[in-house]
Amino acid sequence: MEEINEILNNLYTIQIGTIEFNFLPLLKIPAILFLIGNLLFSLILYLRVRMLSDTFVMGDNKIMKSIVILYLIATFLLSLVAMLFLILS
């Protein structure tokens, strides 16, 4: 059992002599940047829908605003959870 745990712990590391390099933090950086980009996209979408709904008078403005606000909140909360899992792993 210890041998299996040792293999799994050293899965993402390269050992050259006494120098040990871990690849896992380098793989986390693009994932975190992607999540931040997703948050910015949802914020821009919210602002765009808000501007359009204020510009044009339509009957479904409140429905669209509420859908986009729910999307923004869900994106924010799920991105925070994803970042938490990325940082803890």
N, C-alpha and C. Protein backbone atom coordinates (compact mmCIF):
# COMPACT_ATOMS: atom_id res chain seq x y z
N MET A 1 0.82 -1.20 0.00
CA MET A 1 0.00 0.00 0.00
C MET A 1 0.87 1.26 0.00
N GLU A 2 1.98 1.24 0.71
CA GLU A 2 2.87 2.41 0.73
C GLU A 2 3.48 2.66 -0.64
N GLU A 3 3.76 1.58 -1.35
CA GLU A 3 4.35 1.71 -2.67
C GLU A 3 3.39 2.40 -3.64
N ILE A 4 2.11 2.06 -3.55
CA ILE A 4 1.10 2.68 -4.41
C ILE A 4 0.96 4.16 -4.09
N ASN A 5 0.93 4.51 -2.80
CA ASN A 5 0.84 5.92 -2.40
C ASN A 5 2.06 6.70 -2.87
N GLU A 6 3.23 6.10 -2.82
CA GLU A 6 4.45 6.77 -3.27
C GLU A 6 4.42 7.02 -4.77
N ILE A 7 3.90 6.05 -5.53
CA ILE A 7 3.80 6.22 -6.99
C ILE A 7 2.81 7.35 -7.31
N LEU A 8 1.67 7.38 -6.62
CA LEU A 8 0.67 8.43 -6.87
C LEU A 8 1.18 9.80 -6.46
N ASN A 9 1.94 9.90 -5.39
CA ASN A 9 2.48 11.18 -4.96
C ASN A 9 3.53 11.71 -5.92
N ASN A 10 4.28 10.81 -6.56
CA ASN A 10 5.35 11.23 -7.47
C ASN A 10 4.89 11.25 -8.93
N LEU A 11 3.61 11.20 -9.17
CA LEU A 11 3.09 11.11 -10.53
C LEU A 11 3.39 12.36 -11.35
N TYR A 12 3.28 13.53 -10.77
CA TYR A 12 3.46 14.78 -11.51
C TYR A 12 4.82 15.42 -11.27
N THR A 13 5.75 14.72 -10.70
CA THR A 13 7.06 15.30 -10.42
C THR A 13 8.13 14.68 -11.29
N ILE A 14 9.10 15.48 -11.62
CA ILE A 14 10.29 15.01 -12.34
C ILE A 14 11.47 15.25 -11.42
N GLN A 15 12.26 14.22 -11.26
CA GLN A 15 13.40 14.32 -10.35
C GLN A 15 14.67 14.16 -11.16
N ILE A 16 15.48 15.22 -11.17
CA ILE A 16 16.77 15.20 -11.86
C ILE A 16 17.83 15.42 -10.79
N GLY A 17 18.51 14.36 -10.43
CA GLY A 17 19.52 14.44 -9.39
C GLY A 17 18.88 14.82 -8.07
N THR A 18 19.25 15.96 -7.52
CA THR A 18 18.67 16.42 -6.26
C THR A 18 17.58 17.45 -6.47
N ILE A 19 17.37 17.87 -7.73
CA ILE A 19 16.35 18.87 -8.04
C ILE A 19 15.04 18.16 -8.36
N GLU A 20 13.96 18.61 -7.73
CA GLU A 20 12.64 18.04 -7.96
C GLU A 20 11.72 19.13 -8.48
N PHE A 21 11.05 18.86 -9.60
CA PHE A 21 10.17 19.85 -10.23
C PHE A 21 8.77 19.28 -10.31
N ASN A 22 7.78 20.05 -9.85
CA ASN A 22 6.39 19.61 -9.82
C ASN A 22 5.60 20.32 -10.91
N PHE A 23 4.91 19.54 -11.78
CA PHE A 23 4.14 20.10 -12.89
C PHE A 23 2.73 20.52 -12.50
N LEU A 24 2.20 20.02 -11.41
CA LEU A 24 0.80 20.27 -11.06
C LEU A 24 0.47 21.76 -10.88
N PRO A 25 1.30 22.56 -10.20
CA PRO A 25 0.97 24.00 -10.11
C PRO A 25 0.96 24.70 -11.47
N LEU A 26 1.77 24.23 -12.41
CA LEU A 26 1.77 24.84 -13.74
C LEU A 26 0.48 24.52 -14.49
N LEU A 27 -0.15 23.39 -14.19
CA LEU A 27 -1.41 23.05 -14.83
C LEU A 27 -2.59 23.78 -14.19
N LYS A 28 -2.42 24.24 -12.96
CA LYS A 28 -3.50 24.95 -12.27
C LYS A 28 -3.65 26.38 -12.79
N ILE A 29 -2.56 26.99 -13.21
CA ILE A 29 -2.58 28.39 -13.62
C ILE A 29 -3.51 28.63 -14.82
N PRO A 30 -3.45 27.84 -15.90
CA PRO A 30 -4.40 28.07 -16.99
C PRO A 30 -5.86 27.84 -16.58
N ALA A 31 -6.09 26.89 -15.69
CA ALA A 31 -7.47 26.65 -15.24
C ALA A 31 -8.00 27.84 -14.45
N ILE A 32 -7.17 28.42 -13.61
CA ILE A 32 -7.59 29.60 -12.84
C ILE A 32 -7.83 30.79 -13.77
N LEU A 33 -6.95 30.97 -14.76
CA LEU A 33 -7.15 32.06 -15.73
C LEU A 33 -8.43 31.86 -16.53
N PHE A 34 -8.75 30.62 -16.88
CA PHE A 34 -9.99 30.33 -17.60
C PHE A 34 -11.20 30.67 -16.73
N LEU A 35 -11.16 30.35 -15.45
CA LEU A 35 -12.28 30.67 -14.56
C LEU A 35 -12.45 32.17 -14.39
N ILE A 36 -11.34 32.90 -14.29
CA ILE A 36 -11.42 34.35 -14.19
C ILE A 36 -12.00 34.94 -15.48
N GLY A 37 -11.58 34.41 -16.63
CA GLY A 37 -12.14 34.85 -17.91
C GLY A 37 -13.63 34.57 -18.01
N ASN A 38 -14.06 33.44 -17.49
CA ASN A 38 -15.48 33.10 -17.49
C ASN A 38 -16.27 34.08 -16.61
N LEU A 39 -15.70 34.47 -15.48
CA LEU A 39 -16.36 35.46 -14.62
C LEU A 39 -16.47 36.81 -15.32
N LEU A 40 -15.40 37.22 -15.99
CA LEU A 40 -15.44 38.50 -16.71
C LEU A 40 -16.44 38.46 -17.86
N PHE A 41 -16.53 37.32 -18.55
CA PHE A 41 -17.51 37.18 -19.63
C PHE A 41 -18.93 37.31 -19.10
N SER A 42 -19.22 36.68 -17.96
CA SER A 42 -20.58 36.76 -17.42
C SER A 42 -20.89 38.18 -16.95
N LEU A 43 -19.89 38.88 -16.42
CA LEU A 43 -20.10 40.27 -16.02
C LEU A 43 -20.36 41.16 -17.23
N ILE A 44 -19.62 40.95 -18.31
CA ILE A 44 -19.85 41.73 -19.54
C ILE A 44 -21.22 41.41 -20.12
N LEU A 45 -21.63 40.15 -20.06
CA LEU A 45 -22.96 39.77 -20.54
C LEU A 45 -24.05 40.47 -19.73
N TYR A 46 -23.86 40.54 -18.42
CA TYR A 46 -24.83 41.23 -17.57
C TYR A 46 -24.92 42.71 -17.94
N LEU A 47 -23.78 43.34 -18.10
CA LEU A 47 -23.79 44.77 -18.45
C LEU A 47 -24.39 45.01 -19.83
N ARG A 48 -24.13 44.11 -20.77
CA ARG A 48 -24.69 44.26 -22.11
C ARG A 48 -26.21 44.13 -22.11
N VAL A 49 -26.70 43.12 -21.40
CA VAL A 49 -28.16 42.94 -21.34
C VAL A 49 -28.81 44.10 -20.61
N ARG A 50 -28.16 44.60 -19.59
CA ARG A 50 -28.71 45.74 -18.86
C ARG A 50 -28.79 46.98 -19.75
N MET A 51 -27.73 47.22 -20.53
CA MET A 51 -27.75 48.37 -21.44
C MET A 51 -28.83 48.21 -22.51
N LEU A 52 -28.94 47.01 -23.07
CA LEU A 52 -29.94 46.79 -24.11
C LEU A 52 -31.37 46.88 -23.57
N SER A 53 -31.58 46.37 -22.36
CA SER A 53 -32.93 46.43 -21.81
C SER A 53 -33.31 47.85 -21.42
N ASP A 54 -32.32 48.68 -21.07
CA ASP A 54 -32.63 50.09 -20.78
C ASP A 54 -32.84 50.89 -22.07
N THR A 55 -32.22 50.45 -23.16
CA THR A 55 -32.34 51.17 -24.42
C THR A 55 -33.66 50.89 -25.12
N PHE A 56 -34.01 49.61 -25.21
CA PHE A 56 -35.23 49.21 -25.90
C PHE A 56 -36.30 48.85 -24.89
N VAL A 57 -37.50 49.33 -25.13
CA VAL A 57 -38.62 49.04 -24.24
C VAL A 57 -39.35 47.81 -24.79
N MET A 58 -39.27 46.73 -24.00
CA MET A 58 -39.93 45.49 -24.39
C MET A 58 -40.62 44.91 -23.15
N GLY A 59 -41.54 43.99 -23.36
CA GLY A 59 -42.28 43.41 -22.26
C GLY A 59 -41.49 42.38 -21.46
N ASP A 60 -40.49 41.76 -22.09
CA ASP A 60 -39.74 40.69 -21.43
C ASP A 60 -38.43 41.16 -20.82
N ASN A 61 -38.28 42.44 -20.57
CA ASN A 61 -37.03 42.95 -20.02
C ASN A 61 -36.72 42.38 -18.64
N LYS A 62 -37.71 42.28 -17.79
CA LYS A 62 -37.49 41.79 -16.42
C LYS A 62 -37.11 40.31 -16.43
N ILE A 63 -37.68 39.55 -17.34
CA ILE A 63 -37.34 38.13 -17.42
C ILE A 63 -35.90 37.95 -17.85
N MET A 64 -35.47 38.69 -18.86
CA MET A 64 -34.09 38.59 -19.34
C MET A 64 -33.11 39.05 -18.28
N LYS A 65 -33.43 40.15 -17.59
CA LYS A 65 -32.55 40.63 -16.53
C LYS A 65 -32.42 39.59 -15.43
N SER A 66 -33.51 38.98 -15.04
CA SER A 66 -33.44 37.99 -13.96
C SER A 66 -32.69 36.74 -14.39
N ILE A 67 -32.84 36.32 -15.65
CA ILE A 67 -32.09 35.16 -16.13
C ILE A 67 -30.60 35.43 -16.12
N VAL A 68 -30.20 36.61 -16.58
CA VAL A 68 -28.79 36.95 -16.63
C VAL A 68 -28.23 37.13 -15.22
N ILE A 69 -29.01 37.69 -14.31
CA ILE A 69 -28.55 37.82 -12.92
C ILE A 69 -28.37 36.45 -12.28
N LEU A 70 -29.30 35.54 -12.53
CA LEU A 70 -29.14 34.17 -12.01
C LEU A 70 -27.91 33.50 -12.61
N TYR A 71 -27.67 33.72 -13.90
CA TYR A 71 -26.47 33.17 -14.55
C TYR A 71 -25.21 33.74 -13.92
N LEU A 72 -25.20 35.05 -13.67
CA LEU A 72 -24.04 35.70 -13.06
C LEU A 72 -23.78 35.15 -11.67
N ILE A 73 -24.80 35.00 -10.86
CA ILE A 73 -24.65 34.48 -9.50
C ILE A 73 -24.17 33.03 -9.54
N ALA A 74 -24.77 32.21 -10.40
CA ALA A 74 -24.36 30.80 -10.51
C ALA A 74 -22.91 30.69 -10.98
N THR A 75 -22.54 31.50 -11.96
CA THR A 75 -21.16 31.47 -12.46
C THR A 75 -20.19 31.88 -11.37
N PHE A 76 -20.52 32.90 -10.62
CA PHE A 76 -19.65 33.37 -9.55
C PHE A 76 -19.47 32.30 -8.47
N LEU A 77 -20.57 31.72 -8.02
CA LEU A 77 -20.48 30.72 -6.96
C LEU A 77 -19.76 29.44 -7.42
N LEU A 78 -20.08 28.97 -8.61
CA LEU A 78 -19.44 27.76 -9.10
C LEU A 78 -17.96 27.98 -9.43
N SER A 79 -17.61 29.19 -9.87
CA SER A 79 -16.19 29.49 -10.10
C SER A 79 -15.42 29.54 -8.80
N LEU A 80 -16.03 30.08 -7.76
CA LEU A 80 -15.37 30.07 -6.46
C LEU A 80 -15.15 28.64 -5.95
N VAL A 81 -16.14 27.80 -6.12
CA VAL A 81 -15.98 26.39 -5.70
C VAL A 81 -14.90 25.70 -6.52
N ALA A 82 -14.87 25.96 -7.82
CA ALA A 82 -13.85 25.35 -8.69
C ALA A 82 -12.46 25.83 -8.31
N MET A 83 -12.32 27.13 -8.02
CA MET A 83 -11.01 27.64 -7.59
C MET A 83 -10.60 27.05 -6.25
N LEU A 84 -11.56 26.86 -5.36
CA LEU A 84 -11.24 26.24 -4.08
C LEU A 84 -10.70 24.82 -4.28
N PHE A 85 -11.35 24.06 -5.15
CA PHE A 85 -10.88 22.71 -5.43
C PHE A 85 -9.52 22.72 -6.12
N LEU A 86 -9.28 23.69 -7.00
CA LEU A 86 -7.97 23.79 -7.66
C LEU A 86 -6.87 24.12 -6.67
N ILE A 87 -7.15 25.02 -5.76
CA ILE A 87 -6.13 25.42 -4.79
C ILE A 87 -5.85 24.29 -3.80
N LEU A 88 -6.89 23.59 -3.39
CA LEU A 88 -6.71 22.52 -2.40
C LEU A 88 -6.09 21.25 -2.99
N SER A 89 -6.20 21.05 -4.30
CA SER A 89 -5.66 19.81 -4.87
C SER A 89 -4.17 19.89 -5.07
